[in-house]
Protein backbone atom coordinates (compact mmCIF):
# COMPACT_ATOMS: atom_id res chain seq x y z
CA UNK A 1 76.37 85.89 107.74
CA UNK A 2 76.55 87.92 110.90
CA UNK A 3 73.70 89.39 112.91
CA UNK A 4 74.28 92.89 111.52
CA UNK A 5 74.25 91.68 107.93
CA UNK A 6 71.00 89.78 108.47
CA UNK A 7 69.46 92.90 110.01
CA UNK A 8 70.56 95.06 107.07
CA UNK A 9 69.24 92.47 104.62
CA UNK A 10 65.84 92.32 106.37
CA UNK A 11 65.56 96.11 106.41
CA UNK A 12 66.55 96.25 102.76
CA UNK A 13 63.80 93.77 101.84
CA UNK A 14 61.15 95.91 103.57
CA UNK A 15 61.81 99.08 101.61
CA UNK A 16 60.94 99.65 97.99
CA UNK A 17 63.63 101.18 95.86
CA UNK A 18 63.13 104.09 93.48
CA UNK A 19 66.06 102.72 91.43
CA UNK A 20 65.82 100.63 88.32
CA UNK A 21 65.58 96.89 89.19
CA UNK A 22 68.74 96.08 87.22
CA UNK A 23 70.70 98.67 89.18
CA UNK A 24 69.40 97.26 92.46
CA UNK A 25 70.24 93.70 91.36
CA UNK A 26 73.81 94.80 90.58
CA UNK A 27 74.05 96.62 93.93
CA UNK A 28 72.79 93.51 95.75
CA UNK A 29 75.38 91.33 93.98
CA UNK A 30 78.10 93.78 95.00
CA UNK A 31 76.84 93.86 98.58
CA UNK A 32 76.83 90.05 98.79
CA UNK A 33 80.30 89.82 97.24
CA UNK A 34 81.63 92.40 99.70
CA UNK A 35 80.07 90.58 102.65
CA UNK A 36 81.57 87.29 101.49
CA UNK A 37 85.01 88.85 101.04
CA UNK A 38 84.85 90.47 104.49
CA UNK A 39 83.84 87.17 106.07
CA UNK A 40 86.76 85.38 104.40
CA UNK A 41 89.19 88.08 105.55
CA UNK A 42 87.88 87.94 109.12
CA UNK A 43 88.22 84.16 109.16
CA UNK A 44 91.77 84.31 107.79
CA UNK A 45 92.82 86.89 110.39
CA UNK A 46 91.26 84.86 113.21
CA UNK A 47 93.04 81.69 112.09
CA UNK A 48 96.36 83.55 111.97
CA UNK A 49 95.73 84.85 115.49
CA UNK A 50 94.82 81.38 116.76
CA UNK A 51 98.02 80.03 115.22
CA UNK A 52 100.14 82.49 117.21
CA UNK A 53 98.57 82.02 120.64
CA UNK A 54 101.67 80.40 122.14
CA UNK A 55 103.64 83.59 121.39
CA UNK A 56 101.54 85.52 123.92
CA UNK A 57 103.27 85.57 127.33
CA UNK A 58 101.44 83.40 129.83
CA UNK A 59 99.69 81.19 127.26
CA UNK A 60 101.15 77.74 126.94
CA UNK A 61 100.23 74.85 124.67
CA UNK A 62 97.40 73.60 126.93
CA UNK A 63 95.71 76.98 127.22
CA UNK A 64 96.18 77.65 123.50
CA UNK A 65 94.49 74.32 122.73
CA UNK A 66 91.55 75.19 125.03
CA UNK A 67 91.12 78.58 123.37
CA UNK A 68 91.18 77.03 119.89
CA UNK A 69 88.74 74.32 120.94
CA UNK A 70 86.39 76.92 122.44
CA UNK A 71 86.54 79.03 119.26
CA UNK A 72 85.84 76.05 116.99
CA UNK A 73 82.90 74.97 119.16
CA UNK A 74 81.51 78.51 119.03
CA UNK A 75 81.82 78.59 115.23
CA UNK A 76 80.17 75.17 114.90
CA UNK A 77 77.19 76.28 117.01
CA UNK A 78 76.95 79.53 115.05
CA UNK A 79 76.95 77.67 111.72
CA UNK A 80 74.20 75.33 112.95
CA UNK A 81 72.16 78.33 114.11
CA UNK A 82 72.60 80.08 110.75
CA UNK A 83 71.52 76.97 108.84
CA UNK A 84 68.13 76.93 110.57
């Protein structure tokens, strides 16, 4: 979950809702499903982009490998940070 989503979730927890609890539970499920779907789409698009790096003029196999390695390291650190 990204920084913005965590912020929205924290703000949402602070406020009380005038809506019926069942309606809010359904809204929360929809919000979580939408966030999950957006995350999957973002990941898929990023992987497609990483797969086509060599097609960009000036980026050869070595540089493409470094970019991919950097991205994967960033994602690993981010996942570890989110698991805390």
